[in-house]
């Protein structure tokens, strides 16, 4: 993956991202409802060709709450 092909969204910064207890599927997206062995943003990008549309920044939500 080249620099220009890198996903613009990052699961580590998404409010819906969680780590799963499942050893085979460590990463989980609560918004889209699936687990994956790679980061969900990468899985979505490879299957859809677009960045994840369910992404919501953790920092945006904290700013709104204040």
PDB file of N, CA and C in Angstrom:
ATOM      1  N   UNK A   1       0.855  -1.178   0.000  1.00  0.00           N
ATOM      2  CA  UNK A   1       0.000   0.000   0.000  1.00  0.00           C
ATOM      3  C   UNK A   1       0.894   1.232   0.000  1.00  0.00           C
ATOM      4  N   UNK A   2       0.710   2.073  -0.993  1.00  0.00           N
ATOM      5  CA  UNK A   2       1.500   3.292  -1.069  1.00  0.00           C
ATOM      6  C   UNK A   2       0.883   4.361  -0.190  1.00  0.00           C
ATOM      7  N   UNK A   3       1.602   5.426  -0.017  1.00  0.00           N
ATOM      8  CA  UNK A   3       1.144   6.520   0.858  1.00  0.00           C
ATOM      9  C   UNK A   3      -0.186   7.100   0.384  1.00  0.00           C
ATOM     10  N   UNK A   4      -0.375   7.245  -0.932  1.00  0.00           N
ATOM     11  CA  UNK A   4      -1.616   7.817  -1.449  1.00  0.00           C
ATOM     12  C   UNK A   4      -2.790   6.850  -1.322  1.00  0.00           C
ATOM     13  N   UNK A   5      -2.521   5.534  -1.225  1.00  0.00           N
ATOM     14  CA  UNK A   5      -3.571   4.535  -1.078  1.00  0.00           C
ATOM     15  C   UNK A   5      -3.950   4.278   0.377  1.00  0.00           C
ATOM     16  N   UNK A   6      -3.216   4.861   1.314  1.00  0.00           N
ATOM     17  CA  UNK A   6      -3.478   4.625   2.735  1.00  0.00           C
ATOM     18  C   UNK A   6      -4.872   5.134   3.107  1.00  0.00           C
ATOM     19  N   UNK A   7      -5.561   4.398   3.968  1.00  0.00           N
ATOM     20  CA  UNK A   7      -6.893   4.848   4.371  1.00  0.00           C
ATOM     21  C   UNK A   7      -6.856   6.200   5.062  1.00  0.00           C
ATOM     22  N   UNK A   8      -7.844   7.025   4.793  1.00  0.00           N
ATOM     23  CA  UNK A   8      -7.919   8.343   5.420  1.00  0.00           C
ATOM     24  C   UNK A   8      -8.498   8.245   6.819  1.00  0.00           C
ATOM     25  N   UNK A   9      -9.260   7.186   7.055  1.00  0.00           N
ATOM     26  CA  UNK A   9      -9.810   6.953   8.393  1.00  0.00           C
ATOM     27  C   UNK A   9      -8.971   5.882   9.074  1.00  0.00           C
ATOM     28  N   UNK A  10      -8.942   5.932  10.384  1.00  0.00           N
ATOM     29  CA  UNK A  10      -8.144   4.984  11.144  1.00  0.00           C
ATOM     30  C   UNK A  10      -8.998   4.447  12.290  1.00  0.00           C
ATOM     31  N   UNK A  11      -9.137   3.138  12.342  1.00  0.00           N
ATOM     32  CA  UNK A  11      -9.979   2.519  13.376  1.00  0.00           C
ATOM     33  C   UNK A  11      -9.543   2.884  14.785  1.00  0.00           C
ATOM     34  N   UNK A  12      -8.264   3.067  14.996  1.00  0.00           N
ATOM     35  CA  UNK A  12      -7.769   3.388  16.339  1.00  0.00           C
ATOM     36  C   UNK A  12      -8.335   4.711  16.835  1.00  0.00           C
ATOM     37  N   UNK A  13      -8.792   5.560  15.920  1.00  0.00           N
ATOM     38  CA  UNK A  13      -9.359   6.857  16.291  1.00  0.00           C
ATOM     39  C   UNK A  13     -10.882   6.881  16.196  1.00  0.00           C
ATOM     40  N   UNK A  14     -11.501   5.721  15.941  1.00  0.00           N
ATOM     41  CA  UNK A  14     -12.942   5.652  15.752  1.00  0.00           C
ATOM     42  C   UNK A  14     -13.652   5.212  17.036  1.00  0.00           C
ATOM     43  N   UNK A  15     -14.779   5.825  17.314  1.00  0.00           N
ATOM     44  CA  UNK A  15     -15.520   5.503  18.535  1.00  0.00           C
ATOM     45  C   UNK A  15     -16.153   4.119  18.495  1.00  0.00           C
ATOM     46  N   UNK A  16     -16.337   3.524  17.325  1.00  0.00           N
ATOM     47  CA  UNK A  16     -16.972   2.216  17.187  1.00  0.00           C
ATOM     48  C   UNK A  16     -15.987   1.049  17.183  1.00  0.00           C
ATOM     49  N   UNK A  17     -14.716   1.327  17.223  1.00  0.00           N
ATOM     50  CA  UNK A  17     -13.686   0.289  17.173  1.00  0.00           C
ATOM     51  C   UNK A  17     -13.468  -0.327  18.539  1.00  0.00           C
ATOM     52  N   UNK A  18     -13.393  -1.652  18.577  1.00  0.00           N
ATOM     53  CA  UNK A  18     -13.108  -2.379  19.807  1.00  0.00           C
ATOM     54  C   UNK A  18     -12.188  -3.556  19.507  1.00  0.00           C
ATOM     55  N   UNK A  19     -11.496  -4.008  20.544  1.00  0.00           N
ATOM     56  CA  UNK A  19     -10.685  -5.215  20.447  1.00  0.00           C
ATOM     57  C   UNK A  19     -11.548  -6.384  20.919  1.00  0.00           C
ATOM     58  N   UNK A  20     -11.558  -7.439  20.134  1.00  0.00           N
ATOM     59  CA  UNK A  20     -12.366  -8.614  20.418  1.00  0.00           C
ATOM     60  C   UNK A  20     -11.556  -9.651  21.192  1.00  0.00           C
ATOM     61  N   UNK A  21     -12.243 -10.505  21.925  1.00  0.00           N
ATOM     62  CA  UNK A  21     -11.583 -11.608  22.627  1.00  0.00           C
ATOM     63  C   UNK A  21     -11.309 -12.781  21.693  1.00  0.00           C
ATOM     64  N   UNK A  22     -11.876 -12.768  20.528  1.00  0.00           N
ATOM     65  CA  UNK A  22     -11.699 -13.836  19.548  1.00  0.00           C
ATOM     66  C   UNK A  22     -10.291 -13.779  18.958  1.00  0.00           C
ATOM     67  N   UNK A  23      -9.504 -14.812  19.176  1.00  0.00           N
ATOM     68  CA  UNK A  23      -8.102 -14.803  18.711  1.00  0.00           C
ATOM     69  C   UNK A  23      -7.977 -14.726  17.191  1.00  0.00           C
ATOM     70  N   UNK A  24      -8.921 -15.265  16.477  1.00  0.00           N
ATOM     71  CA  UNK A  24      -8.860 -15.262  15.011  1.00  0.00           C
ATOM     72  C   UNK A  24      -9.354 -13.951  14.400  1.00  0.00           C
ATOM     73  N   UNK A  25     -10.196 -13.255  15.125  1.00  0.00           N
ATOM     74  CA  UNK A  25     -10.757 -11.994  14.635  1.00  0.00           C
ATOM     75  C   UNK A  25     -10.641 -10.953  15.747  1.00  0.00           C
ATOM     76  N   UNK A  26      -9.465 -10.365  15.873  1.00  0.00           N
ATOM     77  CA  UNK A  26      -9.125  -9.493  17.002  1.00  0.00           C
ATOM     78  C   UNK A  26      -9.808  -8.133  16.975  1.00  0.00           C
ATOM     79  N   UNK A  27     -10.150  -7.660  15.791  1.00  0.00           N
ATOM     80  CA  UNK A  27     -10.664  -6.296  15.667  1.00  0.00           C
ATOM     81  C   UNK A  27     -12.151  -6.313  15.356  1.00  0.00           C
ATOM     82  N   UNK A  28     -12.880  -5.405  15.983  1.00  0.00           N
ATOM     83  CA  UNK A  28     -14.337  -5.405  15.878  1.00  0.00           C
ATOM     84  C   UNK A  28     -14.858  -4.007  15.599  1.00  0.00           C
ATOM     85  N   UNK A  29     -15.822  -3.920  14.692  1.00  0.00           N
ATOM     86  CA  UNK A  29     -16.500  -2.656  14.407  1.00  0.00           C
ATOM     87  C   UNK A  29     -17.931  -2.771  14.909  1.00  0.00           C
ATOM     88  N   UNK A  30     -18.273  -1.997  15.923  1.00  0.00           N
ATOM     89  CA  UNK A  30     -19.624  -2.018  16.482  1.00  0.00           C
ATOM     90  C   UNK A  30     -20.635  -1.353  15.541  1.00  0.00           C
ATOM     91  N   UNK A  31     -20.207  -0.397  14.770  1.00  0.00           N
ATOM     92  CA  UNK A  31     -21.101   0.309  13.842  1.00  0.00           C
ATOM     93  C   UNK A  31     -21.555  -0.607  12.707  1.00  0.00           C
ATOM     94  N   UNK A  32     -20.597  -1.306  12.095  1.00  0.00           N
ATOM     95  CA  UNK A  32     -20.921  -2.160  10.959  1.00  0.00           C
ATOM     96  C   UNK A  32     -21.222  -3.596  11.368  1.00  0.00           C
ATOM     97  N   UNK A  33     -20.921  -3.948  12.617  1.00  0.00           N
ATOM     98  CA  UNK A  33     -21.290  -5.250  13.150  1.00  0.00           C
ATOM     99  C   UNK A  33     -20.493  -6.425  12.631  1.00  0.00           C
ATOM    100  N   UNK A  34     -19.168  -6.274  12.533  1.00  0.00           N
ATOM    101  CA  UNK A  34     -18.355  -7.415  12.131  1.00  0.00           C
ATOM    102  C   UNK A  34     -17.014  -7.415  12.839  1.00  0.00           C
ATOM    103  N   UNK A  35     -16.378  -8.592  12.844  1.00  0.00           N
ATOM    104  CA  UNK A  35     -15.038  -8.775  13.383  1.00  0.00           C
ATOM    105  C   UNK A  35     -14.123  -9.133  12.229  1.00  0.00           C
ATOM    106  N   UNK A  36     -12.828  -8.825  12.395  1.00  0.00           N
ATOM    107  CA  UNK A  36     -11.871  -9.075  11.326  1.00  0.00           C
ATOM    108  C   UNK A  36     -10.490  -9.355  11.899  1.00  0.00           C
ATOM    109  N   UNK A  37      -9.671 -10.015  11.101  1.00  0.00           N
ATOM    110  CA  UNK A  37      -8.288 -10.264  11.514  1.00  0.00           C
ATOM    111  C   UNK A  37      -7.389  -9.074  11.200  1.00  0.00           C
ATOM    112  N   UNK A  38      -7.881  -8.154  10.382  1.00  0.00           N
ATOM    113  CA  UNK A  38      -7.175  -6.895  10.092  1.00  0.00           C
ATOM    114  C   UNK A  38      -8.072  -5.750  10.562  1.00  0.00           C
ATOM    115  N   UNK A  39      -7.546  -4.554  10.611  1.00  0.00           N
ATOM    116  CA  UNK A  39      -8.363  -3.416  11.026  1.00  0.00           C
ATOM    117  C   UNK A  39      -9.588  -3.287  10.117  1.00  0.00           C
ATOM    118  N   UNK A  40     -10.754  -3.053  10.702  1.00  0.00           N
ATOM    119  CA  UNK A  40     -11.970  -2.939   9.888  1.00  0.00           C
ATOM    120  C   UNK A  40     -11.879  -1.885   8.781  1.00  0.00           C
ATOM    121  N   UNK A  41     -11.172  -0.781   9.016  1.00  0.00           N
ATOM    122  CA  UNK A  41     -11.051   0.239   7.958  1.00  0.00           C
ATOM    123  C   UNK A  41     -10.315  -0.318   6.738  1.00  0.00           C
ATOM    124  N   UNK A  42      -9.374  -1.216   6.959  1.00  0.00           N
ATOM    125  CA  UNK A  42      -8.655  -1.849   5.853  1.00  0.00           C
ATOM    126  C   UNK A  42      -9.559  -2.854   5.151  1.00  0.00           C
ATOM    127  N   UNK A  43     -10.318  -3.606   5.930  1.00  0.00           N
ATOM    128  CA  UNK A  43     -11.268  -4.586   5.377  1.00  0.00           C
ATOM    129  C   UNK A  43     -12.318  -3.886   4.513  1.00  0.00           C
ATOM    130  N   UNK A  44     -12.860  -2.779   4.998  1.00  0.00           N
ATOM    131  CA  UNK A  44     -13.870  -2.028   4.245  1.00  0.00           C
ATOM    132  C   UNK A  44     -13.258  -1.466   2.970  1.00  0.00           C
ATOM    133  N   UNK A  45     -12.075  -0.916   3.084  1.00  0.00           N
ATOM    134  CA  UNK A  45     -11.402  -0.336   1.909  1.00  0.00           C
ATOM    135  C   UNK A  45     -11.141  -1.382   0.830  1.00  0.00           C
ATOM    136  N   UNK A  46     -10.722  -2.586   1.251  1.00  0.00           N
ATOM    137  CA  UNK A  46     -10.417  -3.625   0.269  1.00  0.00           C
ATOM    138  C   UNK A  46     -11.680  -4.198  -0.374  1.00  0.00           C
ATOM    139  N   UNK A  47     -12.786  -4.245   0.345  1.00  0.00           N
ATOM    140  CA  UNK A  47     -14.014  -4.812  -0.223  1.00  0.00           C
ATOM    141  C   UNK A  47     -14.852  -3.787  -0.974  1.00  0.00           C
ATOM    142  N   UNK A  48     -14.855  -2.540  -0.514  1.00  0.00           N
ATOM    143  CA  UNK A  48     -15.711  -1.510  -1.107  1.00  0.00           C
ATOM    144  C   UNK A  48     -14.949  -0.541  -2.008  1.00  0.00           C
ATOM    145  N   UNK A  49     -13.663  -0.384  -1.745  1.00  0.00           N
ATOM    146  CA  UNK A  49     -12.872   0.557  -2.531  1.00  0.00           C
ATOM    147  C   UNK A  49     -12.943   1.989  -2.027  1.00  0.00           C
ATOM    148  N   UNK A  50     -13.705   2.204  -0.955  1.00  0.00           N
ATOM    149  CA  UNK A  50     -13.837   3.541  -0.357  1.00  0.00           C
ATOM    150  C   UNK A  50     -13.458   3.471   1.110  1.00  0.00           C
ATOM    151  N   UNK A  51     -13.195   4.637   1.685  1.00  0.00           N
ATOM    152  CA  UNK A  51     -12.970   4.697   3.125  1.00  0.00           C
ATOM    153  C   UNK A  51     -14.276   4.364   3.838  1.00  0.00           C
ATOM    154  N   UNK A  52     -14.161   3.918   5.070  1.00  0.00           N
ATOM    155  CA  UNK A  52     -15.318   3.531   5.869  1.00  0.00           C
ATOM    156  C   UNK A  52     -16.260   4.728   6.061  1.00  0.00           C
ATOM    157  N   UNK A  53     -17.521   4.527   5.756  1.00  0.00           N
ATOM    158  CA  UNK A  53     -18.510   5.596   5.898  1.00  0.00           C
ATOM    159  C   UNK A  53     -19.074   5.668   7.308  1.00  0.00           C
ATOM    160  N   UNK A  54     -18.782   4.662   8.137  1.00  0.00           N
ATOM    161  CA  UNK A  54     -19.268   4.651   9.508  1.00  0.00           C
ATOM    162  C   UNK A  54     -18.314   5.292  10.496  1.00  0.00           C
ATOM    163  N   UNK A  55     -17.176   5.771  10.039  1.00  0.00           N
ATOM    164  CA  UNK A  55     -16.157   6.341  10.913  1.00  0.00           C
ATOM    165  C   UNK A  55     -16.669   7.584  11.631  1.00  0.00           C
ATOM    166  N   UNK A  56     -16.473   7.608  12.965  1.00  0.00           N
ATOM    167  CA  UNK A  56     -16.711   8.814  13.769  1.00  0.00           C
ATOM    168  C   UNK A  56     -15.543   8.963  14.726  1.00  0.00           C
ATOM    169  N   UNK A  57     -14.914  10.086  14.673  1.00  0.00           N
ATOM    170  CA  UNK A  57     -13.743  10.345  15.489  1.00  0.00           C
ATOM    171  C   UNK A  57     -14.089  10.364  16.970  1.00  0.00           C
ATOM    172  N   UNK A  58     -13.233   9.775  17.784  1.00  0.00           N
ATOM    173  CA  UNK A  58     -13.418   9.810  19.238  1.00  0.00           C
ATOM    174  C   UNK A  58     -13.301  11.239  19.754  1.00  0.00           C
ATOM    175  N   UNK A  59     -12.408  12.023  19.192  1.00  0.00           N
ATOM    176  CA  UNK A  59     -12.186  13.388  19.668  1.00  0.00           C
ATOM    177  C   UNK A  59     -13.341  14.310  19.302  1.00  0.00           C
ATOM    178  N   UNK A  60     -14.011  14.103  18.162  1.00  0.00           N
ATOM    179  CA  UNK A  60     -15.165  14.920  17.800  1.00  0.00           C
ATOM    180  C   UNK A  60     -16.276  14.778  18.818  1.00  0.00           C
ATOM    181  N   UNK A  61     -16.517  13.569  19.272  1.00  0.00           N
ATOM    182  CA  UNK A  61     -17.594  13.326  20.236  1.00  0.00           C
ATOM    183  C   UNK A  61     -17.293  13.968  21.576  1.00  0.00           C
ATOM    184  N   UNK A  62     -16.059  13.960  21.994  1.00  0.00           N
ATOM    185  CA  UNK A  62     -15.690  14.571  23.262  1.00  0.00           C
ATOM    186  C   UNK A  62     -15.870  16.084  23.205  1.00  0.00           C
ATOM    187  N   UNK A  63     -15.571  16.694  22.067  1.00  0.00           N
ATOM    188  CA  UNK A  63     -15.733  18.137  21.912  1.00  0.00           C
ATOM    189  C   UNK A  63     -17.212  18.513  21.978  1.00  0.00           C
ATOM    190  N   UNK A  64     -18.083  17.684  21.403  1.00  0.00           N
ATOM    191  CA  UNK A  64     -19.525  17.956  21.403  1.00  0.00           C
ATOM    192  C   UNK A  64     -20.118  17.845  22.793  1.00  0.00           C
ATOM    193  N   UNK A  65     -19.600  16.909  23.593  1.00  0.00           N
ATOM    194  CA  UNK A  65     -20.136  16.692  24.935  1.00  0.00           C
ATOM    195  C   UNK A  65     -19.840  17.838  25.876  1.00  0.00           C
ATOM    196  N   UNK A  66     -18.782  18.573  25.639  1.00  0.00           N
ATOM    197  CA  UNK A  66     -18.385  19.673  26.535  1.00  0.00           C
ATOM    198  C   UNK A  66     -19.170  20.924  26.295  1.00  0.00           C
TER     199      UNK A  66
END
